[in-house]
Amino acid sequence: MQVCAAPPFPSELAVSCDERWRAHDLVRLRSLVAFDGEPAWVRGAFERAPYAVVRRALSAHGVVAIGVRGAGRSQRYGTWTAATEIVDVVAPEALLFSEPTRERAALPAFVALAALRGNPLSALNALVWGPSGSAGFELATRTDAVTPSSDLDLLIRTSERLSRECAADLMNHLQTVGLETGIRIDAQLETPAGGVALAEWAASKARVLARHASGPQLVTDPWSSARATVM
């Protein structure tokens, strides 16, 4: 996030994450509480689409870390909401077969998404996955968020260990589709240690960066409870 509101609770109470909402889930809110330093664009963005994305952050009980999207890449705001303000939640995988409007379907990100989900022989479709980022936001909110130059961001849920070989095959497949559609496809693995870039795991690095609610950490195996280095 480019800007982040100060948490509305003492730091010693930031000890948990409510498992009802996971990082990259989109939540629809009744209202959005204003905090000191809120950017001017936030109110208009929320009026257009009363949704926010769940952030990776420890929080106090009953409070959820969220992010608000504006019109451009620079308009990202990290803030907080009471859990009682959440009226609906949409996970990336729930958006996999959602269709953009007819006039938006030709945008490269949506073309790439259709190509990925339409290949029954792809190892990707043996996993639980879905669009996040601008594509996921547009499909969930039905408001324009994707541009002709937008990347396609994917979330792949991997509660069980994904082999390096399978990761490399997935990367090759995503790169091929990306070249065919003229965009970059960025996939993140959701692992027990947190979010790990598919590209890093596929590259057979000795340690990879896992983005966890308690902070980024270098890990040797994201499916192991042992964590190597806190960043």
Protein backbone atom coordinates (compact mmCIF):
# COMPACT_ATOMS: atom_id res chain seq x y z
CA MET A 1 0.00 0.00 0.00
CA GLN A 2 1.25 3.49 -0.78
CA VAL A 3 -0.36 4.96 2.39
CA CYS A 4 -1.51 3.16 5.49
CA ALA A 5 -3.70 4.36 8.36
CA ALA A 6 -2.43 3.88 11.88
CA PRO A 7 -4.12 0.87 13.53
CA PRO A 8 -7.10 1.78 15.76
CA PHE A 9 -5.83 -0.40 18.61
CA PRO A 10 -2.70 -0.66 20.79
CA SER A 11 0.14 -2.59 19.13
CA GLU A 12 0.12 -5.23 21.87
CA LEU A 13 -3.39 -6.26 20.76
CA ALA A 14 -2.25 -7.03 17.20
CA VAL A 15 -1.97 -10.74 17.79
CA SER A 16 -4.35 -12.49 15.41
CA CYS A 17 -5.99 -12.76 12.01
CA ASP A 18 -9.64 -13.68 11.63
CA GLU A 19 -9.64 -16.79 9.44
CA ARG A 20 -13.03 -15.89 8.00
CA TRP A 21 -11.22 -13.41 5.75
CA ARG A 22 -7.98 -14.22 3.99
CA ALA A 23 -5.43 -12.06 2.20
CA HIS A 24 -6.66 -11.12 -1.30
CA ASP A 25 -10.32 -11.77 -0.46
CA LEU A 26 -12.56 -8.89 -1.48
CA VAL A 27 -15.01 -7.68 1.15
CA ARG A 28 -18.07 -5.53 0.61
CA LEU A 29 -18.58 -3.02 3.40
CA ARG A 30 -21.53 -1.14 4.83
CA SER A 31 -19.33 1.87 5.46
CA LEU A 32 -15.70 2.92 5.57
CA VAL A 33 -14.41 4.65 8.68
CA ALA A 34 -12.18 7.67 8.00
CA PHE A 35 -8.79 7.90 9.73
CA ASP A 36 -6.38 10.82 10.00
CA GLY A 37 -4.36 11.29 6.83
CA GLU A 38 -6.82 9.54 4.52
CA PRO A 39 -6.07 10.48 0.86
CA ALA A 40 -8.65 12.69 -0.85
CA TRP A 41 -9.51 10.09 -3.51
CA VAL A 42 -10.63 7.39 -1.06
CA ARG A 43 -14.23 8.59 -0.50
CA GLY A 44 -14.98 8.75 -4.21
CA ALA A 45 -13.45 5.34 -4.87
CA PHE A 46 -15.48 3.77 -2.08
CA GLU A 47 -18.69 5.38 -3.34
CA ARG A 48 -18.09 3.86 -6.80
CA ALA A 49 -17.38 0.40 -5.38
CA PRO A 50 -17.88 -0.24 -1.64
CA TYR A 51 -15.28 -3.00 -1.61
CA ALA A 52 -11.82 -3.47 -0.14
CA VAL A 53 -9.19 -6.18 -0.32
CA VAL A 54 -8.06 -8.00 2.82
CA ARG A 55 -4.46 -7.17 3.69
CA ARG A 56 -1.84 -9.40 5.30
CA ALA A 57 -1.49 -7.91 8.78
CA LEU A 58 -1.96 -8.91 12.39
CA SER A 59 -4.90 -7.18 13.97
CA ALA A 60 -6.93 -6.93 17.14
CA HIS A 61 -10.00 -9.07 17.66
CA GLY A 62 -12.92 -7.81 15.59
CA VAL A 63 -10.77 -5.59 13.35
CA VAL A 64 -9.75 -6.50 9.79
CA ALA A 65 -6.84 -5.02 7.81
CA ILE A 66 -8.07 -3.90 4.40
CA GLY A 67 -6.90 -1.95 1.36
CA VAL A 68 -8.89 0.43 -0.83
CA ARG A 69 -8.20 0.70 -4.57
CA GLY A 70 -8.38 3.94 -6.49
CA ALA A 71 -8.23 4.63 -10.21
CA GLY A 72 -4.47 4.31 -10.71
CA ARG A 73 -1.53 2.30 -9.39
CA SER A 74 -0.56 5.12 -7.05
CA GLN A 75 -3.99 5.08 -5.42
CA ARG A 76 -3.73 2.34 -2.84
CA TYR A 77 -4.69 2.93 0.77
CA GLY A 78 -4.23 0.53 3.66
CA THR A 79 -6.80 0.95 6.41
CA TRP A 80 -8.97 -0.97 8.87
CA THR A 81 -12.57 -2.00 9.31
CA ALA A 82 -14.66 -3.52 12.06
CA ALA A 83 -15.63 -7.08 11.15
CA THR A 84 -19.26 -6.11 11.72
CA GLU A 85 -19.07 -3.76 8.71
CA ILE A 86 -18.41 -6.67 6.31
CA VAL A 87 -21.58 -7.77 4.51
CA ASP A 88 -20.08 -10.07 1.86
CA VAL A 89 -16.78 -11.70 0.97
CA VAL A 90 -15.54 -12.88 -2.43
CA ALA A 91 -12.47 -15.11 -2.70
CA PRO A 92 -10.36 -15.04 -5.90
CA GLU A 93 -11.29 -18.64 -6.74
CA ALA A 94 -14.99 -17.71 -6.62
CA LEU A 95 -14.32 -15.33 -9.53
CA LEU A 96 -12.69 -17.84 -11.84
CA PHE A 97 -15.72 -18.28 -14.08
CA SER A 98 -17.09 -14.77 -13.72
CA GLU A 99 -17.27 -13.00 -17.07
CA PRO A 100 -16.41 -9.37 -17.77
CA THR A 101 -18.89 -7.25 -19.65
CA ARG A 102 -18.94 -7.83 -23.41
CA GLU A 103 -17.21 -4.55 -24.20
CA ARG A 104 -14.39 -5.31 -21.72
CA ALA A 105 -13.79 -8.97 -22.61
CA ALA A 106 -11.16 -8.13 -25.27
CA LEU A 107 -8.80 -6.54 -22.75
CA PRO A 108 -5.60 -8.63 -22.61
CA ALA A 109 -5.95 -9.54 -18.91
CA PHE A 110 -9.40 -11.03 -19.51
CA VAL A 111 -8.27 -12.77 -22.69
CA ALA A 112 -5.39 -14.36 -20.78
CA LEU A 113 -7.69 -15.41 -17.93
CA ALA A 114 -10.09 -17.07 -20.37
CA ALA A 115 -7.19 -18.91 -22.04
CA LEU A 116 -5.89 -20.21 -18.70
CA ARG A 117 -9.18 -21.49 -17.39
CA GLY A 118 -10.13 -22.97 -20.77
CA ASN A 119 -7.20 -25.40 -20.92
CA PRO A 120 -8.31 -28.66 -19.23
CA LEU A 121 -4.85 -30.20 -19.65
CA SER A 122 -3.08 -27.46 -17.69
CA ALA A 123 -1.73 -28.37 -14.25
CA LEU A 124 -3.12 -25.02 -13.12
CA ASN A 125 -6.66 -26.34 -13.42
CA ALA A 126 -5.86 -29.21 -11.06
CA LEU A 127 -5.35 -26.56 -8.36
CA VAL A 128 -7.60 -24.05 -6.61
CA TRP A 129 -6.91 -20.63 -8.14
CA GLY A 130 -8.48 -17.41 -9.27
CA PRO A 131 -7.84 -13.82 -10.35
CA SER A 132 -6.78 -11.17 -7.86
CA GLY A 133 -5.55 -7.61 -8.51
CA SER A 134 -7.40 -5.42 -10.99
CA ALA A 135 -9.06 -8.33 -12.85
CA GLY A 136 -10.45 -9.81 -9.67
CA PHE A 137 -11.61 -6.41 -8.47
CA GLU A 138 -13.46 -5.66 -11.71
CA LEU A 139 -15.11 -9.06 -11.84
CA ALA A 140 -16.29 -8.78 -8.24
CA THR A 141 -17.43 -5.16 -8.26
CA ARG A 142 -18.46 -4.74 -11.91
CA THR A 143 -16.58 -1.43 -12.00
CA ASP A 144 -13.79 -0.75 -14.49
CA ALA A 145 -10.35 -1.50 -13.04
CA VAL A 146 -8.43 -3.32 -15.80
CA THR A 147 -6.55 -1.29 -18.42
CA PRO A 148 -4.99 -2.46 -21.70
CA SER A 149 -1.60 -2.62 -19.95
CA SER A 150 -2.76 -4.30 -16.74
CA ASP A 151 -0.95 -7.39 -15.52
CA LEU A 152 -3.03 -10.45 -14.69
CA ASP A 153 -2.54 -11.34 -11.03
CA LEU A 154 -3.42 -14.85 -9.88
CA LEU A 155 -3.72 -16.47 -6.47
CA ILE A 156 -3.07 -20.22 -6.29
CA ARG A 157 -4.02 -22.00 -3.06
CA THR A 158 -1.48 -24.67 -2.19
CA SER A 159 -2.14 -26.10 1.26
CA GLU A 160 -0.12 -29.14 0.18
CA ARG A 161 3.46 -28.92 -1.06
CA LEU A 162 3.86 -27.98 -4.72
CA SER A 163 6.90 -29.60 -6.26
CA ARG A 164 9.54 -27.44 -7.91
CA GLU A 165 8.95 -29.35 -11.15
CA CYS A 166 5.24 -28.60 -11.12
CA ALA A 167 5.98 -24.96 -10.28
CA ALA A 168 8.36 -24.73 -13.24
CA ASP A 169 5.74 -26.24 -15.55
CA LEU A 170 3.18 -23.74 -14.32
CA MET A 171 5.58 -20.86 -14.89
CA ASN A 172 6.27 -21.99 -18.45
CA HIS A 173 2.54 -22.22 -19.12
CA LEU A 174 1.85 -18.76 -17.70
CA GLN A 175 4.73 -17.25 -19.63
CA THR A 176 3.46 -18.81 -22.86
CA VAL A 177 -0.03 -17.43 -22.36
CA GLY A 178 1.45 -14.08 -21.35
CA LEU A 179 3.45 -13.89 -24.56
CA GLU A 180 0.41 -14.84 -26.63
CA THR A 181 -1.73 -12.13 -25.03
CA GLY A 182 0.99 -9.50 -24.62
CA ILE A 183 0.82 -9.12 -20.85
CA ARG A 184 2.64 -10.19 -17.72
CA ILE A 185 0.99 -12.88 -15.59
CA ASP A 186 2.01 -12.79 -11.95
CA ALA A 187 1.04 -15.76 -9.77
CA GLN A 188 1.31 -16.05 -6.02
CA LEU A 189 1.17 -19.30 -4.10
CA GLU A 190 -0.81 -19.20 -0.88
CA THR A 191 1.14 -21.50 1.47
CA PRO A 192 1.11 -22.21 5.23
CA ALA A 193 4.04 -19.78 5.57
CA GLY A 194 2.23 -17.02 3.65
CA GLY A 195 2.25 -15.74 0.09
CA VAL A 196 5.15 -16.90 -2.09
CA ALA A 197 5.78 -15.82 -5.68
CA LEU A 198 5.44 -18.77 -8.03
CA ALA A 199 8.43 -17.45 -9.99
CA GLU A 200 10.67 -17.67 -6.91
CA TRP A 201 9.62 -21.20 -6.00
CA ALA A 202 9.93 -22.34 -9.61
CA ALA A 203 13.47 -20.91 -9.79
CA SER A 204 14.67 -23.42 -7.16
CA LYS A 205 16.08 -20.73 -4.90
CA ALA A 206 17.47 -22.00 -1.61
CA ARG A 207 15.17 -19.63 0.26
CA VAL A 208 12.09 -17.74 -0.89
CA LEU A 209 10.29 -14.73 0.51
CA ALA A 210 7.03 -15.61 2.26
CA ARG A 211 4.68 -12.71 2.98
CA HIS A 212 3.04 -13.48 6.30
CA ALA A 213 0.72 -11.43 8.49
CA SER A 214 3.50 -11.13 11.06
CA GLY A 215 5.91 -9.82 8.42
CA PRO A 216 7.94 -11.04 5.42
CA GLN A 217 10.23 -13.99 6.11
CA LEU A 218 12.80 -15.98 4.16
CA VAL A 219 11.92 -19.66 4.25
CA THR A 220 13.48 -22.80 2.88
CA ASP A 221 10.17 -24.63 2.60
CA PRO A 222 6.86 -22.71 2.73
CA TRP A 223 5.04 -25.90 3.73
CA SER A 224 7.21 -26.42 6.79
CA SER A 225 6.61 -24.72 10.12
CA ALA A 226 10.32 -23.83 10.34
CA ARG A 227 11.06 -20.27 9.19
CA ALA A 228 14.55 -19.14 8.44
CA THR A 229 14.90 -15.38 8.67
CA VAL A 230 12.59 -12.57 9.69
CA MET A 231 13.07 -9.56 7.38
